[in-house]
Amino acid sequence: MVRGGGREWLVLALDWRLSDAGLAWTQGVLDEHAALPAILTTHDLVWAEDDGTAHLSDNGQRLWDRLIKGNDQIFLALGGHYWPSGRTTLTNVLRTGPDAPVNSAKFESGYTIETFLKLPEPFEGDHSWMGILSWEGRAGDAGKHSGWSDDEPTCSLNLSGERFLQFVVYPVPVDSDPTSWSHAIPVGRWMHVALVNDGRHTVMYVDGSKIVRNAAEESRGISTLGKPFAIGGTQSAERYGQGFYGWIGDTRIVSRALRPDQFLMARGR
């Protein structure tokens, strides 16, 4: 463990060709320090083409499959050996298992989705349309074609370049995408976000206050496709792109509309 930037980090300096026992040991270290963001280093991880586009090496693929993909706390992996240098982005976001009930739940009687978020201060770089949470799959595969793209998921919470929260959902009975928008959310502090649907309309709350730009269209249920629910990213064409830059805390999905005094944030009052 090292300390820098006002916090502790976990650095995993791995052998040239890590054995199965070494993989098990590394997983144990991650489990023991699950709250620490982790950086992984190894002899070789990717090889690059002349334009810098990188691809996993055989060793890198093994580490991805056996270690990195299943541990979302690993946010950076570094390797050497090959020339020229290059980089690639793969996403190990937190996902439900393939048979989780929430994957195919339709929530036609209503739902509440809650999460806690914190953006870094300063909030630097281009993080437009980074995903916060979503169900995987394509809207087009659910028979929904009226939205921005058939490739977007059927339900997602995202952040625009102006730091507006965007909640877009494709309801079960109709081909539409009622969308709610927040104000520009602050940086440097935790906030609570809730999406509440009563079986007819969806309302977004930020820190317990109802936002102004909630969708007016009727909205019943979520057109899920039996695919995982993910935290920390949103797919397009079933591929992850802009992962979440910041912190995500406790997240809850309830199959009914909750009152603000029933939100997770109310417990601390």
Protein backbone atom coordinates (compact mmCIF):
# COMPACT_ATOMS: atom_id res chain seq x y z
CA MET A 1 0.00 0.00 0.00
CA VAL A 2 1.13 3.53 -0.79
CA ARG A 3 -0.25 6.91 0.17
CA GLY A 4 -0.64 9.83 -2.22
CA GLY A 5 -3.13 12.52 -3.14
CA GLY A 6 -4.66 12.36 0.31
CA ARG A 7 -5.58 8.66 0.22
CA GLU A 8 -4.20 5.12 0.21
CA TRP A 9 -3.71 3.02 -2.95
CA LEU A 10 -3.04 -0.67 -3.49
CA VAL A 11 -0.18 -1.45 -5.92
CA LEU A 12 0.10 -5.04 -7.18
CA ALA A 13 3.56 -5.68 -8.72
CA LEU A 14 3.14 -9.13 -10.29
CA ASP A 15 5.67 -11.72 -11.44
CA TRP A 16 6.66 -12.06 -15.10
CA ARG A 17 4.39 -15.10 -15.56
CA LEU A 18 2.12 -15.36 -12.56
CA SER A 19 1.33 -18.90 -11.43
CA ASP A 20 -2.14 -20.10 -10.44
CA ALA A 21 -1.01 -19.88 -6.81
CA GLY A 22 0.11 -16.30 -7.45
CA LEU A 23 -3.28 -15.44 -8.94
CA ALA A 24 -4.99 -16.87 -5.85
CA TRP A 25 -2.67 -14.86 -3.57
CA THR A 26 -3.36 -11.66 -5.52
CA GLN A 27 -7.12 -12.21 -5.30
CA GLY A 28 -6.75 -12.66 -1.56
CA VAL A 29 -4.93 -9.33 -1.27
CA LEU A 30 -7.69 -7.62 -3.26
CA ASP A 31 -10.36 -9.20 -1.07
CA GLU A 32 -8.54 -8.10 2.07
CA HIS A 33 -8.30 -4.49 0.84
CA ALA A 34 -11.55 -4.25 -1.12
CA ALA A 35 -12.00 -0.54 -0.36
CA LEU A 36 -8.70 0.53 -1.93
CA PRO A 37 -8.34 1.48 -5.63
CA ALA A 38 -5.73 -0.82 -7.16
CA ILE A 39 -2.96 -0.43 -9.76
CA LEU A 40 -1.54 -3.59 -11.34
CA THR A 41 1.92 -3.87 -12.95
CA THR A 42 3.37 -6.82 -14.85
CA HIS A 43 6.11 -7.59 -17.40
CA ASP A 44 3.85 -7.58 -20.45
CA LEU A 45 0.17 -6.77 -20.78
CA VAL A 46 -0.52 -5.44 -24.30
CA TRP A 47 1.21 -5.12 -27.67
CA ALA A 48 0.59 -2.14 -29.93
CA GLU A 49 0.27 -1.37 -33.61
CA ASP A 50 2.14 1.57 -35.16
CA ASP A 51 -0.79 3.92 -34.47
CA GLY A 52 -0.74 3.08 -30.76
CA THR A 53 -3.82 0.86 -30.82
CA ALA A 54 -3.13 -1.86 -28.26
CA HIS A 55 -4.27 -5.46 -27.89
CA LEU A 56 -3.92 -7.84 -24.97
CA SER A 57 -0.92 -10.14 -25.09
CA ASP A 58 -1.34 -13.81 -24.14
CA ASN A 59 -0.25 -12.95 -20.61
CA GLY A 60 -2.47 -9.88 -20.57
CA GLN A 61 -5.48 -11.92 -21.70
CA ARG A 62 -4.87 -14.43 -18.90
CA LEU A 63 -4.64 -11.66 -16.31
CA TRP A 64 -7.78 -10.02 -17.70
CA ASP A 65 -9.78 -13.25 -17.64
CA ARG A 66 -8.54 -14.53 -14.30
CA LEU A 67 -8.06 -11.33 -12.28
CA ILE A 68 -8.77 -7.89 -13.72
CA LYS A 69 -12.21 -8.43 -15.28
CA GLY A 70 -13.74 -9.63 -12.01
CA ASN A 71 -12.26 -6.90 -9.78
CA ASP A 72 -13.57 -3.44 -10.56
CA GLN A 73 -11.25 -1.86 -8.01
CA ILE A 74 -8.36 -2.39 -10.49
CA PHE A 75 -8.57 0.85 -12.46
CA LEU A 76 -5.11 0.87 -14.08
CA ALA A 77 -2.82 -1.90 -15.38
CA LEU A 78 0.71 -1.26 -16.69
CA GLY A 79 3.13 -3.47 -18.62
CA GLY A 80 6.23 -3.20 -20.75
CA HIS A 81 8.28 -5.48 -23.05
CA TYR A 82 6.68 -4.52 -26.38
CA TRP A 83 7.45 -1.57 -28.65
CA PRO A 84 5.92 0.76 -29.74
CA SER A 85 4.00 1.85 -26.68
CA GLY A 86 0.22 1.75 -26.74
CA ARG A 87 -2.88 1.77 -24.63
CA THR A 88 -6.37 0.35 -24.62
CA THR A 89 -9.45 0.66 -22.43
CA LEU A 90 -11.41 -2.32 -21.13
CA THR A 91 -14.21 -2.07 -18.61
CA ASN A 92 -14.51 -4.29 -15.52
CA VAL A 93 -17.70 -2.67 -14.19
CA LEU A 94 -19.78 -4.18 -11.39
CA ARG A 95 -22.52 -6.40 -12.92
CA THR A 96 -25.20 -8.75 -11.67
CA GLY A 97 -24.85 -12.47 -12.36
CA PRO A 98 -26.37 -13.95 -15.53
CA ASP A 99 -29.37 -15.40 -13.66
CA ALA A 100 -30.08 -12.52 -11.26
CA PRO A 101 -33.85 -11.81 -11.00
CA VAL A 102 -33.29 -8.08 -11.56
CA ASN A 103 -31.99 -8.80 -15.07
CA SER A 104 -35.47 -9.59 -16.39
CA ALA A 105 -37.71 -7.78 -13.89
CA LYS A 106 -40.15 -5.44 -15.69
CA PHE A 107 -41.26 -3.32 -12.69
CA GLU A 108 -44.66 -2.54 -14.22
CA SER A 109 -46.16 -1.77 -10.80
CA GLY A 110 -43.45 0.80 -10.11
CA TYR A 111 -39.86 1.01 -8.93
CA THR A 112 -37.29 3.07 -7.06
CA ILE A 113 -33.63 3.14 -8.05
CA GLU A 114 -31.29 4.87 -5.58
CA THR A 115 -27.56 5.53 -5.56
CA PHE A 116 -24.97 7.79 -3.96
CA LEU A 117 -22.48 9.67 -6.17
CA LYS A 118 -19.43 11.85 -5.73
CA LEU A 119 -17.54 13.67 -8.50
CA PRO A 120 -13.86 14.62 -8.07
CA GLU A 121 -12.83 18.20 -7.40
CA PRO A 122 -11.39 19.45 -9.67
CA PHE A 123 -13.49 17.65 -12.28
CA GLU A 124 -10.96 17.53 -15.12
CA GLY A 125 -10.99 16.02 -18.61
CA ASP A 126 -13.79 15.07 -20.97
CA HIS A 127 -16.22 12.71 -19.27
CA SER A 128 -19.30 13.44 -21.38
CA TRP A 129 -22.00 10.80 -21.21
CA MET A 130 -20.26 8.62 -18.70
CA GLY A 131 -22.49 5.87 -17.38
CA ILE A 132 -23.58 5.59 -13.76
CA LEU A 133 -25.88 2.57 -13.93
CA SER A 134 -27.81 0.69 -16.60
CA TRP A 135 -29.26 -2.56 -17.86
CA GLU A 136 -27.24 -4.18 -20.64
CA GLY A 137 -28.70 -4.81 -24.10
CA ARG A 138 -30.04 -2.81 -27.05
CA ALA A 139 -33.31 -0.89 -27.15
CA GLY A 140 -33.79 -2.12 -30.71
CA ASP A 141 -33.75 -5.72 -29.52
CA ALA A 142 -36.64 -4.84 -27.20
CA GLY A 143 -38.62 -3.50 -30.18
CA LYS A 144 -37.95 0.13 -29.24
CA HIS A 145 -36.92 2.41 -32.10
CA SER A 146 -38.16 5.89 -31.17
CA GLY A 147 -35.19 7.06 -29.12
CA TRP A 148 -31.78 8.50 -29.86
CA SER A 149 -30.42 5.15 -31.11
CA ASP A 150 -31.47 1.51 -31.31
CA ASP A 151 -28.06 0.73 -29.79
CA GLU A 152 -28.64 2.49 -26.46
CA PRO A 153 -29.78 0.40 -23.47
CA THR A 154 -33.39 0.25 -22.35
CA CYS A 155 -32.67 2.03 -19.06
CA SER A 156 -29.67 4.08 -17.95
CA LEU A 157 -28.52 6.90 -15.68
CA ASN A 158 -25.74 9.02 -17.21
CA LEU A 159 -23.91 12.32 -16.83
CA SER A 160 -23.71 14.86 -19.67
CA GLY A 161 -20.75 17.09 -20.44
CA GLU A 162 -22.47 19.89 -18.50
CA ARG A 163 -22.76 17.57 -15.45
CA PHE A 164 -26.52 17.13 -15.94
CA LEU A 165 -27.90 13.78 -14.79
CA GLN A 166 -29.88 12.05 -17.54
CA PHE A 167 -32.27 9.19 -16.77
CA VAL A 168 -33.69 7.56 -19.88
CA VAL A 169 -36.01 4.55 -19.85
CA TYR A 170 -37.98 2.63 -22.47
CA PRO A 171 -41.31 1.61 -20.86
CA VAL A 172 -42.84 -1.81 -21.44
CA PRO A 173 -46.10 -1.04 -23.30
CA VAL A 174 -45.04 1.77 -25.67
CA ASP A 175 -42.19 2.71 -28.01
CA SER A 176 -40.97 5.88 -26.32
CA ASP A 177 -38.08 7.02 -24.13
CA PRO A 178 -39.27 9.40 -21.38
CA THR A 179 -36.15 11.22 -20.17
CA SER A 180 -35.53 13.20 -16.99
CA TRP A 181 -32.75 15.78 -16.55
CA SER A 182 -31.24 17.32 -13.44
CA HIS A 183 -29.47 20.62 -12.92
CA ALA A 184 -25.65 20.66 -13.03
CA ILE A 185 -24.65 18.58 -10.06
CA PRO A 186 -21.87 19.71 -7.70
CA VAL A 187 -18.37 18.29 -7.40
CA GLY A 188 -16.38 17.33 -4.34
CA ARG A 189 -19.21 16.04 -2.17
CA TRP A 190 -21.50 13.02 -1.90
CA MET A 191 -25.06 13.32 -3.20
CA HIS A 192 -28.06 11.02 -3.25
CA VAL A 193 -30.01 10.34 -6.46
CA ALA A 194 -33.37 8.55 -6.64
CA LEU A 195 -35.51 7.61 -9.64
CA VAL A 196 -39.08 6.90 -8.52
CA ASN A 197 -41.76 5.42 -10.78
CA ASP A 198 -45.35 4.88 -9.58
CA GLY A 199 -46.42 2.80 -12.57
CA ARG A 200 -47.39 5.90 -14.54
CA HIS A 201 -44.62 8.52 -14.33
CA THR A 202 -40.96 8.77 -13.28
CA VAL A 203 -39.60 11.46 -10.96
CA MET A 204 -35.92 12.14 -10.28
CA TYR A 205 -34.82 13.38 -6.85
CA VAL A 206 -31.40 14.81 -5.97
CA ASP A 207 -30.62 14.95 -2.25
CA GLY A 208 -34.31 14.43 -1.53
CA SER A 209 -35.55 17.31 -3.69
CA LYS A 210 -37.67 16.73 -6.80
CA ILE A 211 -36.00 18.10 -9.93
CA VAL A 212 -37.86 20.37 -12.36
CA ARG A 213 -37.21 18.64 -15.70
CA ASN A 214 -38.95 15.33 -15.15
CA ALA A 215 -40.46 13.56 -18.15
CA ALA A 216 -44.14 14.33 -18.72
CA GLU A 217 -44.81 11.19 -20.79
CA GLU A 218 -46.47 8.21 -19.19
CA SER A 219 -43.98 5.52 -18.26
CA ARG A 220 -44.80 2.02 -17.00
CA GLY A 221 -42.08 -0.50 -16.31
CA ILE A 222 -38.64 -1.09 -17.83
CA SER A 223 -38.14 -3.07 -21.05
CA THR A 224 -35.41 -5.29 -19.65
CA LEU A 225 -33.96 -8.05 -21.85
CA GLY A 226 -32.77 -10.56 -19.25
CA LYS A 227 -29.26 -9.12 -19.34
CA PRO A 228 -27.18 -7.89 -16.37
CA PHE A 229 -27.67 -4.69 -14.44
CA ALA A 230 -24.36 -2.80 -14.25
CA ILE A 231 -22.95 -0.09 -11.99
CA GLY A 232 -20.30 2.29 -13.31
CA GLY A 233 -21.00 2.22 -17.05
CA THR A 234 -23.54 2.34 -19.86
CA GLN A 235 -23.37 0.31 -23.05
CA SER A 236 -23.83 1.39 -26.66
CA ALA A 237 -24.20 -1.41 -29.20
CA GLU A 238 -23.50 -3.77 -26.27
CA ARG A 239 -20.04 -2.29 -25.68
CA TYR A 240 -18.97 -0.13 -22.74
CA GLY A 241 -17.39 3.22 -23.43
CA GLN A 242 -17.08 6.13 -21.00
CA GLY A 243 -16.83 4.58 -17.53
CA PHE A 244 -17.77 6.54 -14.43
CA TYR A 245 -15.16 9.04 -13.23
CA GLY A 246 -15.74 9.40 -9.51
CA TRP A 247 -17.20 7.40 -6.66
CA ILE A 248 -20.44 5.38 -6.45
CA GLY A 249 -21.80 4.34 -3.07
CA ASP A 250 -24.70 2.21 -1.87
CA THR A 251 -27.17 1.41 -4.66
CA ARG A 252 -30.65 -0.06 -4.22
CA ILE A 253 -33.49 -1.14 -6.52
CA VAL A 254 -36.97 -1.59 -5.04
CA SER A 255 -40.03 -2.87 -6.92
CA ARG A 256 -42.34 -0.07 -5.74
CA ALA A 257 -42.41 3.70 -5.51
CA LEU A 258 -40.84 4.96 -2.28
CA ARG A 259 -41.56 8.24 -0.51
CA PRO A 260 -38.58 10.57 0.11
CA ASP A 261 -38.72 9.75 3.82
CA GLN A 262 -38.08 6.10 2.86
CA PHE A 263 -34.94 6.83 0.84
CA LEU A 264 -31.59 5.50 1.98
CA MET A 265 -30.43 9.06 2.75
CA ALA A 266 -33.28 9.47 5.25
CA ARG A 267 -31.71 6.90 7.57
CA GLY A 268 -28.92 9.28 8.53
CA ARG A 269 -31.21 12.11 9.54
